[in-house]
């Protein structure tokens, strides 16, 4: 059987014996994409590996930043509560002093 090979099933697996691919007339000149180089793929794979290795460090840094922000917010809330408590105490002492002064003047 003399069948012409296709892209999926070439006549031979030897690239040197295969016919060169030609572009079709409907395809514009120079529209073919460039051959993919493995150098770029290896570089991106290497970068991806490096980035993936740094992900836990970045997550830990973000987690610690969030914890520090929460701790600062809690400290600020505690200072506000203490300030309000001292203000109420000062107001009570002031009212006591006014009453004592009014009692002394009335005597």
PDB file of N, CA and C in Angstrom:
ATOM      1  N   UNK A   1       0.850  -1.176   0.000  1.00  0.00           N
ATOM      2  CA  UNK A   1       0.000   0.000   0.000  1.00  0.00           C
ATOM      3  C   UNK A   1       0.887   1.228   0.000  1.00  0.00           C
ATOM      4  N   UNK A   2       0.637   2.137  -0.921  1.00  0.00           N
ATOM      5  CA  UNK A   2       1.446   3.332  -1.072  1.00  0.00           C
ATOM      6  C   UNK A   2       0.651   4.533  -0.563  1.00  0.00           C
ATOM      7  N   UNK A   3       0.640   4.742   0.770  1.00  0.00           N
ATOM      8  CA  UNK A   3      -0.123   5.839   1.356  1.00  0.00           C
ATOM      9  C   UNK A   3       0.800   7.000   1.680  1.00  0.00           C
ATOM     10  N   UNK A   4       0.314   8.202   1.444  1.00  0.00           N
ATOM     11  CA  UNK A   4       1.093   9.405   1.756  1.00  0.00           C
ATOM     12  C   UNK A   4       0.957   9.667   3.257  1.00  0.00           C
ATOM     13  N   UNK A   5       2.057   9.999   3.875  1.00  0.00           N
ATOM     14  CA  UNK A   5       2.030  10.240   5.310  1.00  0.00           C
ATOM     15  C   UNK A   5       1.332  11.537   5.684  1.00  0.00           C
ATOM     16  N   UNK A   6       0.883  11.608   6.906  1.00  0.00           N
ATOM     17  CA  UNK A   6       0.264  12.826   7.434  1.00  0.00           C
ATOM     18  C   UNK A   6       1.157  13.384   8.533  1.00  0.00           C
ATOM     19  N   UNK A   7       0.761  14.498   9.088  1.00  0.00           N
ATOM     20  CA  UNK A   7       1.545  15.101  10.169  1.00  0.00           C
ATOM     21  C   UNK A   7       1.541  14.180  11.384  1.00  0.00           C
ATOM     22  N   UNK A   8       0.373  13.626  11.700  1.00  0.00           N
ATOM     23  CA  UNK A   8       0.268  12.741  12.858  1.00  0.00           C
ATOM     24  C   UNK A   8       0.963  11.415  12.630  1.00  0.00           C
ATOM     25  N   UNK A   9       0.869  10.896  11.397  1.00  0.00           N
ATOM     26  CA  UNK A   9       1.477   9.597  11.064  1.00  0.00           C
ATOM     27  C   UNK A   9       2.363   9.770   9.824  1.00  0.00           C
ATOM     28  N   UNK A  10       3.599  10.217  10.025  1.00  0.00           N
ATOM     29  CA  UNK A  10       4.469  10.407   8.858  1.00  0.00           C
ATOM     30  C   UNK A  10       4.880   9.065   8.262  1.00  0.00           C
ATOM     31  N   UNK A  11       5.286   9.117   6.991  1.00  0.00           N
ATOM     32  CA  UNK A  11       5.733   7.916   6.295  1.00  0.00           C
ATOM     33  C   UNK A  11       6.967   7.366   7.000  1.00  0.00           C
ATOM     34  N   UNK A  12       7.855   8.252   7.384  1.00  0.00           N
ATOM     35  CA  UNK A  12       9.057   7.840   8.092  1.00  0.00           C
ATOM     36  C   UNK A  12       9.223   8.694   9.338  1.00  0.00           C
ATOM     37  N   UNK A  13       9.880   8.150  10.323  1.00  0.00           N
ATOM     38  CA  UNK A  13      10.111   8.902  11.557  1.00  0.00           C
ATOM     39  C   UNK A  13      11.438   9.656  11.528  1.00  0.00           C
ATOM     40  N   UNK A  14      12.184   9.471  10.482  1.00  0.00           N
ATOM     41  CA  UNK A  14      13.463  10.144  10.346  1.00  0.00           C
ATOM     42  C   UNK A  14      13.207  11.553   9.796  1.00  0.00           C
ATOM     43  N   UNK A  15      13.522  12.610  10.557  1.00  0.00           N
ATOM     44  CA  UNK A  15      13.229  13.974  10.093  1.00  0.00           C
ATOM     45  C   UNK A  15      13.959  14.330   8.800  1.00  0.00           C
ATOM     46  N   UNK A  16      15.133  13.743   8.544  1.00  0.00           N
ATOM     47  CA  UNK A  16      15.884  14.081   7.335  1.00  0.00           C
ATOM     48  C   UNK A  16      15.203  13.543   6.080  1.00  0.00           C
ATOM     49  N   UNK A  17      14.450  12.477   6.204  1.00  0.00           N
ATOM     50  CA  UNK A  17      13.789  11.859   5.047  1.00  0.00           C
ATOM     51  C   UNK A  17      12.395  12.424   4.815  1.00  0.00           C
ATOM     52  N   UNK A  18      11.874  13.220   5.734  1.00  0.00           N
ATOM     53  CA  UNK A  18      10.544  13.781   5.573  1.00  0.00           C
ATOM     54  C   UNK A  18      10.600  14.993   4.648  1.00  0.00           C
ATOM     55  N   UNK A  19       9.500  15.233   3.941  1.00  0.00           N
ATOM     56  CA  UNK A  19       9.423  16.396   3.055  1.00  0.00           C
ATOM     57  C   UNK A  19       9.283  17.655   3.902  1.00  0.00           C
ATOM     58  N   UNK A  20       9.936  18.739   3.486  1.00  0.00           N
ATOM     59  CA  UNK A  20       9.809  19.976   4.260  1.00  0.00           C
ATOM     60  C   UNK A  20       8.379  20.500   4.202  1.00  0.00           C
ATOM     61  N   UNK A  21       7.955  21.129   5.315  1.00  0.00           N
ATOM     62  CA  UNK A  21       6.594  21.672   5.374  1.00  0.00           C
ATOM     63  C   UNK A  21       6.552  22.973   4.585  1.00  0.00           C
ATOM     64  N   UNK A  22       5.536  23.122   3.775  1.00  0.00           N
ATOM     65  CA  UNK A  22       5.355  24.347   3.004  1.00  0.00           C
ATOM     66  C   UNK A  22       4.088  25.025   3.468  1.00  0.00           C
ATOM     67  N   UNK A  23       4.072  26.335   3.366  1.00  0.00           N
ATOM     68  CA  UNK A  23       2.879  27.059   3.788  1.00  0.00           C
ATOM     69  C   UNK A  23       1.841  27.005   2.685  1.00  0.00           C
ATOM     70  N   UNK A  24       0.600  27.089   3.075  1.00  0.00           N
ATOM     71  CA  UNK A  24      -0.482  27.039   2.094  1.00  0.00           C
ATOM     72  C   UNK A  24      -0.627  28.412   1.449  1.00  0.00           C
ATOM     73  N   UNK A  25      -1.215  28.479   0.232  1.00  0.00           N
ATOM     74  CA  UNK A  25      -1.368  29.781  -0.446  1.00  0.00           C
ATOM     75  C   UNK A  25      -2.306  30.723   0.312  1.00  0.00           C
ATOM     76  N   UNK A  26      -3.240  30.177   1.111  1.00  0.00           N
ATOM     77  CA  UNK A  26      -4.178  31.044   1.837  1.00  0.00           C
ATOM     78  C   UNK A  26      -3.519  31.694   3.056  1.00  0.00           C
ATOM     79  N   UNK A  27      -2.405  31.162   3.471  1.00  0.00           N
ATOM     80  CA  UNK A  27      -1.727  31.693   4.646  1.00  0.00           C
ATOM     81  C   UNK A  27      -0.828  32.851   4.226  1.00  0.00           C
ATOM     82  N   UNK A  28      -0.894  34.000   4.920  1.00  0.00           N
ATOM     83  CA  UNK A  28      -0.058  35.137   4.541  1.00  0.00           C
ATOM     84  C   UNK A  28       1.428  34.825   4.723  1.00  0.00           C
ATOM     85  N   UNK A  29       2.252  35.506   3.951  1.00  0.00           N
ATOM     86  CA  UNK A  29       3.695  35.279   4.003  1.00  0.00           C
ATOM     87  C   UNK A  29       4.240  35.750   5.342  1.00  0.00           C
ATOM     88  N   UNK A  30       5.054  34.942   5.982  1.00  0.00           N
ATOM     89  CA  UNK A  30       5.684  35.324   7.248  1.00  0.00           C
ATOM     90  C   UNK A  30       4.778  35.204   8.457  1.00  0.00           C
ATOM     91  N   UNK A  31       3.654  34.515   8.316  1.00  0.00           N
ATOM     92  CA  UNK A  31       2.734  34.414   9.444  1.00  0.00           C
ATOM     93  C   UNK A  31       3.065  33.252  10.363  1.00  0.00           C
ATOM     94  N   UNK A  32       3.964  32.392   9.912  1.00  0.00           N
ATOM     95  CA  UNK A  32       4.290  31.218  10.726  1.00  0.00           C
ATOM     96  C   UNK A  32       5.014  31.665  11.996  1.00  0.00           C
ATOM     97  N   UNK A  33       4.688  31.016  13.090  1.00  0.00           N
ATOM     98  CA  UNK A  33       5.355  31.345  14.349  1.00  0.00           C
ATOM     99  C   UNK A  33       6.749  30.760  14.347  1.00  0.00           C
ATOM    100  N   UNK A  34       7.626  31.370  15.056  1.00  0.00           N
ATOM    101  CA  UNK A  34       8.999  30.895  15.115  1.00  0.00           C
ATOM    102  C   UNK A  34       9.063  29.586  15.888  1.00  0.00           C
ATOM    103  N   UNK A  35      10.103  28.845  15.600  1.00  0.00           N
ATOM    104  CA  UNK A  35      10.294  27.575  16.300  1.00  0.00           C
ATOM    105  C   UNK A  35      10.554  27.852  17.774  1.00  0.00           C
ATOM    106  N   UNK A  36       9.981  27.064  18.633  1.00  0.00           N
ATOM    107  CA  UNK A  36      10.143  27.235  20.071  1.00  0.00           C
ATOM    108  C   UNK A  36      11.513  26.725  20.471  1.00  0.00           C
ATOM    109  N   UNK A  37      12.236  27.548  21.186  1.00  0.00           N
ATOM    110  CA  UNK A  37      13.555  27.123  21.650  1.00  0.00           C
ATOM    111  C   UNK A  37      13.438  26.605  23.066  1.00  0.00           C
ATOM    112  N   UNK A  38      14.233  25.626  23.372  1.00  0.00           N
ATOM    113  CA  UNK A  38      14.195  25.064  24.720  1.00  0.00           C
ATOM    114  C   UNK A  38      14.990  25.903  25.700  1.00  0.00           C
ATOM    115  N   UNK A  39      15.821  26.818  25.203  1.00  0.00           N
ATOM    116  CA  UNK A  39      16.609  27.666  26.111  1.00  0.00           C
ATOM    117  C   UNK A  39      15.664  28.529  26.934  1.00  0.00           C
ATOM    118  N   UNK A  40      14.707  29.177  26.264  1.00  0.00           N
ATOM    119  CA  UNK A  40      13.731  30.003  26.980  1.00  0.00           C
ATOM    120  C   UNK A  40      12.876  29.179  27.919  1.00  0.00           C
ATOM    121  N   UNK A  41      12.511  27.973  27.472  1.00  0.00           N
ATOM    122  CA  UNK A  41      11.682  27.108  28.309  1.00  0.00           C
ATOM    123  C   UNK A  41      12.451  26.704  29.565  1.00  0.00           C
ATOM    124  N   UNK A  42      13.725  26.358  29.395  1.00  0.00           N
ATOM    125  CA  UNK A  42      14.525  25.984  30.561  1.00  0.00           C
ATOM    126  C   UNK A  42      14.697  27.164  31.503  1.00  0.00           C
ATOM    127  N   UNK A  43      14.909  28.363  30.930  1.00  0.00           N
ATOM    128  CA  UNK A  43      15.075  29.547  31.773  1.00  0.00           C
ATOM    129  C   UNK A  43      13.797  29.841  32.547  1.00  0.00           C
ATOM    130  N   UNK A  44      12.637  29.755  31.850  1.00  0.00           N
ATOM    131  CA  UNK A  44      11.386  30.034  32.560  1.00  0.00           C
ATOM    132  C   UNK A  44      11.109  28.956  33.593  1.00  0.00           C
ATOM    133  N   UNK A  45      11.448  27.712  33.262  1.00  0.00           N
ATOM    134  CA  UNK A  45      11.252  26.629  34.230  1.00  0.00           C
ATOM    135  C   UNK A  45      12.140  26.854  35.445  1.00  0.00           C
ATOM    136  N   UNK A  46      13.371  27.314  35.199  1.00  0.00           N
ATOM    137  CA  UNK A  46      14.288  27.593  36.310  1.00  0.00           C
ATOM    138  C   UNK A  46      13.745  28.734  37.167  1.00  0.00           C
ATOM    139  N   UNK A  47      13.254  29.801  36.516  1.00  0.00           N
ATOM    140  CA  UNK A  47      12.683  30.922  37.258  1.00  0.00           C
ATOM    141  C   UNK A  47      11.458  30.477  38.039  1.00  0.00           C
ATOM    142  N   UNK A  48      10.640  29.641  37.405  1.00  0.00           N
ATOM    143  CA  UNK A  48       9.444  29.167  38.083  1.00  0.00           C
ATOM    144  C   UNK A  48       9.839  28.366  39.315  1.00  0.00           C
ATOM    145  N   UNK A  49      10.860  27.555  39.178  1.00  0.00           N
ATOM    146  CA  UNK A  49      11.318  26.759  40.313  1.00  0.00           C
ATOM    147  C   UNK A  49      11.812  27.680  41.425  1.00  0.00           C
ATOM    148  N   UNK A  50      12.588  28.691  41.044  1.00  0.00           N
ATOM    149  CA  UNK A  50      13.103  29.632  42.037  1.00  0.00           C
ATOM    150  C   UNK A  50      11.953  30.373  42.709  1.00  0.00           C
ATOM    151  N   UNK A  51      10.978  30.817  41.900  1.00  0.00           N
ATOM    152  CA  UNK A  51       9.816  31.511  42.463  1.00  0.00           C
ATOM    153  C   UNK A  51       9.035  30.587  43.391  1.00  0.00           C
ATOM    154  N   UNK A  52       8.874  29.343  42.986  1.00  0.00           N
ATOM    155  CA  UNK A  52       8.123  28.411  43.825  1.00  0.00           C
ATOM    156  C   UNK A  52       8.866  28.119  45.119  1.00  0.00           C
ATOM    157  N   UNK A  53      10.195  28.132  45.067  1.00  0.00           N
ATOM    158  CA  UNK A  53      10.957  27.921  46.285  1.00  0.00           C
ATOM    159  C   UNK A  53      10.825  29.118  47.219  1.00  0.00           C
ATOM    160  N   UNK A  54      10.595  30.307  46.662  1.00  0.00           N
ATOM    161  CA  UNK A  54      10.479  31.519  47.481  1.00  0.00           C
ATOM    162  C   UNK A  54       9.057  31.763  47.971  1.00  0.00           C
ATOM    163  N   UNK A  55       8.082  30.994  47.487  1.00  0.00           N
ATOM    164  CA  UNK A  55       6.692  31.198  47.900  1.00  0.00           C
ATOM    165  C   UNK A  55       6.513  31.035  49.408  1.00  0.00           C
ATOM    166  N   UNK A  56       7.033  29.980  50.054  1.00  0.00           N
ATOM    167  CA  UNK A  56       6.847  29.867  51.509  1.00  0.00           C
ATOM    168  C   UNK A  56       7.459  31.048  52.268  1.00  0.00           C
ATOM    169  N   UNK A  57       8.597  31.533  51.785  1.00  0.00           N
ATOM    170  CA  UNK A  57       9.218  32.687  52.441  1.00  0.00           C
ATOM    171  C   UNK A  57       8.327  33.919  52.302  1.00  0.00           C
ATOM    172  N   UNK A  58       7.761  34.128  51.123  1.00  0.00           N
ATOM    173  CA  UNK A  58       6.871  35.265  50.911  1.00  0.00           C
ATOM    174  C   UNK A  58       5.610  35.132  51.756  1.00  0.00           C
ATOM    175  N   UNK A  59       5.075  33.915  51.845  1.00  0.00           N
ATOM    176  CA  UNK A  59       3.887  33.698  52.680  1.00  0.00           C
ATOM    177  C   UNK A  59       4.198  33.965  54.148  1.00  0.00           C
ATOM    178  N   UNK A  60       5.362  33.503  54.612  1.00  0.00           N
ATOM    179  CA  UNK A  60       5.746  33.738  56.005  1.00  0.00           C
ATOM    180  C   UNK A  60       5.919  35.229  56.270  1.00  0.00           C
ATOM    181  N   UNK A  61       6.529  35.937  55.293  1.00  0.00           N
ATOM    182  CA  UNK A  61       6.724  37.377  55.465  1.00  0.00           C
ATOM    183  C   UNK A  61       5.380  38.098  55.529  1.00  0.00           C
ATOM    184  N   UNK A  62       4.435  37.717  54.657  1.00  0.00           N
ATOM    185  CA  UNK A  62       3.102  38.326  54.669  1.00  0.00           C
ATOM    186  C   UNK A  62       2.368  38.001  55.959  1.00  0.00           C
ATOM    187  N   UNK A  63       2.515  36.757  56.434  1.00  0.00           N
ATOM    188  CA  UNK A  63       1.862  36.349  57.676  1.00  0.00           C
ATOM    189  C   UNK A  63       2.399  37.157  58.855  1.00  0.00           C
ATOM    190  N   UNK A  64       3.725  37.310  58.922  1.00  0.00           N
ATOM    191  CA  UNK A  64       4.324  38.079  60.024  1.00  0.00           C
ATOM    192  C   UNK A  64       3.918  39.551  59.942  1.00  0.00           C
ATOM    193  N   UNK A  65       3.850  40.094  58.728  1.00  0.00           N
ATOM    194  CA  UNK A  65       3.417  41.486  58.571  1.00  0.00           C
ATOM    195  C   UNK A  65       1.990  41.653  59.089  1.00  0.00           C
ATOM    196  N   UNK A  66       1.128  40.682  58.741  1.00  0.00           N
ATOM    197  CA  UNK A  66      -0.262  40.742  59.205  1.00  0.00           C
ATOM    198  C   UNK A  66      -0.340  40.616  60.731  1.00  0.00           C
ATOM    199  N   UNK A  67       0.458  39.717  61.304  1.00  0.00           N
ATOM    200  CA  UNK A  67       0.465  39.552  62.760  1.00  0.00           C
ATOM    201  C   UNK A  67       0.946  40.827  63.457  1.00  0.00           C
ATOM    202  N   UNK A  68       1.986  41.473  62.908  1.00  0.00           N
ATOM    203  CA  UNK A  68       2.483  42.726  63.490  1.00  0.00           C
ATOM    204  C   UNK A  68       1.428  43.817  63.417  1.00  0.00           C
ATOM    205  N   UNK A  69       0.701  43.870  62.280  1.00  0.00           N
ATOM    206  CA  UNK A  69      -0.357  44.876  62.144  1.00  0.00           C
ATOM    207  C   UNK A  69      -1.476  44.623  63.159  1.00  0.00           C
ATOM    208  N   UNK A  70      -1.844  43.356  63.339  1.00  0.00           N
ATOM    209  CA  UNK A  70      -2.883  43.021  64.323  1.00  0.00           C
ATOM    210  C   UNK A  70      -2.429  43.372  65.735  1.00  0.00           C
ATOM    211  N   UNK A  71      -1.173  43.072  66.062  1.00  0.00           N
ATOM    212  CA  UNK A  71      -0.657  43.381  67.398  1.00  0.00           C
ATOM    213  C   UNK A  71      -0.651  44.879  67.646  1.00  0.00           C
ATOM    214  N   UNK A  72      -0.262  45.664  66.630  1.00  0.00           N
ATOM    215  CA  UNK A  72      -0.259  47.128  66.780  1.00  0.00           C
ATOM    216  C   UNK A  72      -1.680  47.644  66.973  1.00  0.00           C
ATOM    217  N   UNK A  73      -2.645  47.081  66.230  1.00  0.00           N
ATOM    218  CA  UNK A  73      -4.045  47.495  66.381  1.00  0.00           C
ATOM    219  C   UNK A  73      -4.557  47.150  67.785  1.00  0.00           C
ATOM    220  N   UNK A  74      -4.172  45.976  68.308  1.00  0.00           N
ATOM    221  CA  UNK A  74      -4.592  45.601  69.663  1.00  0.00           C
ATOM    222  C   UNK A  74      -3.979  46.527  70.707  1.00  0.00           C
ATOM    223  N   UNK A  75      -2.695  46.872  70.526  1.00  0.00           N
ATOM    224  CA  UNK A  75      -2.057  47.803  71.472  1.00  0.00           C
ATOM    225  C   UNK A  75      -2.736  49.162  71.446  1.00  0.00           C
ATOM    226  N   UNK A  76      -3.068  49.640  70.252  1.00  0.00           N
ATOM    227  CA  UNK A  76      -3.744  50.930  70.131  1.00  0.00           C
ATOM    228  C   UNK A  76      -5.123  50.869  70.793  1.00  0.00           C
ATOM    229  N   UNK A  77      -5.855  49.773  70.628  1.00  0.00           N
ATOM    230  CA  UNK A  77      -7.168  49.625  71.253  1.00  0.00           C
ATOM    231  C   UNK A  77      -7.026  49.595  72.777  1.00  0.00           C
ATOM    232  N   UNK A  78      -5.995  48.897  73.282  1.00  0.00           N
ATOM    233  CA  UNK A  78      -5.776  48.849  74.731  1.00  0.00           C
ATOM    234  C   UNK A  78      -5.441  50.231  75.280  1.00  0.00           C
ATOM    235  N   UNK A  79      -4.629  51.006  74.541  1.00  0.00           N
ATOM    236  CA  UNK A  79      -4.309  52.368  74.987  1.00  0.00           C
ATOM    237  C   UNK A  79      -5.556  53.240  75.009  1.00  0.00           C
ATOM    238  N   UNK A  80      -6.427  53.085  74.004  1.00  0.00           N
ATOM    239  CA  UNK A  80      -7.668  53.857  73.959  1.00  0.00           C
ATOM    240  C   UNK A  80      -8.567  53.508  75.144  1.00  0.00           C
ATOM    241  N   UNK A  81      -8.701  52.217  75.459  1.00  0.00           N
ATOM    242  CA  UNK A  81      -9.526  51.787  76.602  1.00  0.00           C
ATOM    243  C   UNK A  81      -8.957  52.359  77.898  1.00  0.00           C
ATOM    244  N   UNK A  82      -7.643  52.289  78.070  1.00  0.00           N
ATOM    245  CA  UNK A  82      -7.010  52.818  79.281  1.00  0.00           C
ATOM    246  C   UNK A  82      -7.209  54.330  79.379  1.00  0.00           C
ATOM    247  N   UNK A  83      -7.096  55.025  78.255  1.00  0.00           N
ATOM    248  CA  UNK A  83      -7.276  56.486  78.265  1.00  0.00           C
ATOM    249  C   UNK A  83      -8.706  56.852  78.649  1.00  0.00           C
ATOM    250  N   UNK A  84      -9.691  56.111  78.118  1.00  0.00           N
ATOM    251  CA  UNK A  84     -11.091  56.388  78.480  1.00  0.00           C
ATOM    252  C   UNK A  84     -11.340  56.102  79.959  1.00  0.00           C
ATOM    253  N   UNK A  85     -10.744  55.001  80.467  1.00  0.00           N
ATOM    254  CA  UNK A  85     -10.890  54.669  81.879  1.00  0.00           C
ATOM    255  C   UNK A  85     -10.319  55.787  82.764  1.00  0.00           C
ATOM    256  N   UNK A  86      -9.117  56.270  82.414  1.00  0.00           N
ATOM    257  CA  UNK A  86      -8.504  57.354  83.190  1.00  0.00           C
ATOM    258  C   UNK A  86      -9.320  58.636  83.087  1.00  0.00           C
ATOM    259  N   UNK A  87      -9.912  58.895  81.921  1.00  0.00           N
ATOM    260  CA  UNK A  87     -10.736  60.096  81.761  1.00  0.00           C
ATOM    261  C   UNK A  87     -11.971  60.019  82.661  1.00  0.00           C
ATOM    262  N   UNK A  88     -12.623  58.836  82.699  1.00  0.00           N
ATOM    263  CA  UNK A  88     -13.799  58.696  83.589  1.00  0.00           C
ATOM    264  C   UNK A  88     -13.402  58.863  85.053  1.00  0.00           C
ATOM    265  N   UNK A  89     -12.258  58.280  85.420  1.00  0.00           N
ATOM    266  CA  UNK A  89     -11.785  58.420  86.796  1.00  0.00           C
ATOM    267  C   UNK A  89     -11.507  59.889  87.127  1.00  0.00           C
ATOM    268  N   UNK A  90     -10.884  60.606  86.192  1.00  0.00           N
ATOM    269  CA  UNK A  90     -10.593  62.032  86.408  1.00  0.00           C
ATOM    270  C   UNK A  90     -11.888  62.833  86.527  1.00  0.00           C
ATOM    271  N   UNK A  91     -12.898  62.494  85.718  1.00  0.00           N
ATOM    272  CA  UNK A  91     -14.186  63.189  85.813  1.00  0.00           C
ATOM    273  C   UNK A  91     -14.844  62.940  87.168  1.00  0.00           C
ATOM    274  N   UNK A  92     -14.778  61.697  87.693  1.00  0.00           N
ATOM    275  CA  UNK A  92     -15.355  61.398  89.009  1.00  0.00           C
ATOM    276  C   UNK A  92     -14.631  62.156  90.108  1.00  0.00           C
ATOM    277  N   UNK A  93     -13.288  62.198  90.014  1.00  0.00           N
ATOM    278  CA  UNK A  93     -12.507  62.932  91.022  1.00  0.00           C
ATOM    279  C   UNK A  93     -12.843  64.417  90.960  1.00  0.00           C
ATOM    280  N   UNK A  94     -13.019  64.946  89.743  1.00  0.00           N
ATOM    281  CA  UNK A  94     -13.357  66.354  89.575  1.00  0.00           C
ATOM    282  C   UNK A  94     -14.727  66.657  90.180  1.00  0.00           C
ATOM    283  N   UNK A  95     -15.700  65.771  89.941  1.00  0.00           N
ATOM    284  CA  UNK A  95     -17.048  65.977  90.512  1.00  0.00           C
ATOM    285  C   UNK A  95     -16.999  65.912  92.044  1.00  0.00           C
ATOM    286  N   UNK A  96     -16.197  64.971  92.584  1.00  0.00           N
ATOM    287  CA  UNK A  96     -16.043  64.882  94.041  1.00  0.00           C
ATOM    288  C   UNK A  96     -15.446  66.164  94.604  1.00  0.00           C
ATOM    289  N   UNK A  97     -14.454  66.708  93.901  1.00  0.00           N
ATOM    290  CA  UNK A  97     -13.811  67.941  94.359  1.00  0.00           C
ATOM    291  C   UNK A  97     -14.788  69.103  94.301  1.00  0.00           C
ATOM    292  N   UNK A  98     -15.618  69.172  93.258  1.00  0.00           N
ATOM    293  CA  UNK A  98     -16.621  70.252  93.173  1.00  0.00           C
ATOM    294  C   UNK A  98     -17.634  70.150  94.311  1.00  0.00           C
ATOM    295  N   UNK A  99     -18.075  68.917  94.579  1.00  0.00           N
ATOM    296  CA  UNK A  99     -19.031  68.732  95.683  1.00  0.00           C
ATOM    297  C   UNK A  99     -18.409  69.144  97.010  1.00  0.00           C
ATOM    298  N   UNK A 100     -17.153  68.725  97.188  1.00  0.00           N
ATOM    299  CA  UNK A 100     -16.471  69.076  98.452  1.00  0.00           C
ATOM    300  C   UNK A 100     -16.331  70.586  98.563  1.00  0.00           C
ATOM    301  N   UNK A 101     -15.998  71.263  97.461  1.00  0.00           N
ATOM    302  CA  UNK A 101     -15.876  72.721  97.492  1.00  0.00           C
ATOM    303  C   UNK A 101     -17.225  73.378  97.766  1.00  0.00           C
ATOM    304  N   UNK A 102     -18.290  72.843  97.112  1.00  0.00           N
ATOM    305  CA  UNK A 102     -19.625  73.407  97.330  1.00  0.00           C
ATOM    306  C   UNK A 102     -20.055  73.198  98.784  1.00  0.00           C
ATOM    307  N   UNK A 103     -19.744  72.042  99.368  1.00  0.00           N
ATOM    308  CA  UNK A 103     -20.090  71.793 100.768  1.00  0.00           C
ATOM    309  C   UNK A 103     -19.328  72.740 101.686  1.00  0.00           C
ATOM    310  N   UNK A 104     -18.026  72.989 101.326  1.00  0.00           N
ATOM    311  CA  UNK A 104     -17.220  73.878 102.181  1.00  0.00           C
ATOM    312  C   UNK A 104     -17.751  75.322 102.098  1.00  0.00           C
ATOM    313  N   UNK A 105     -18.202  75.740 100.926  1.00  0.00           N
ATOM    314  CA  UNK A 105     -18.716  77.104 100.765  1.00  0.00           C
ATOM    315  C   UNK A 105     -20.048  77.247 101.485  1.00  0.00           C
ATOM    316  N   UNK A 106     -20.861  76.182 101.449  1.00  0.00           N
ATOM    317  CA  UNK A 106     -22.178  76.232 102.092  1.00  0.00           C
ATOM    318  C   UNK A 106     -22.043  76.295 103.613  1.00  0.00           C
ATOM    319  N   UNK A 107     -20.973  75.809 104.197  1.00  0.00           N
ATOM    320  CA  UNK A 107     -20.817  75.788 105.664  1.00  0.00           C
ATOM    321  C   UNK A 107     -20.618  77.134 106.174  1.00  0.00           C
TER     322      UNK A 107
END
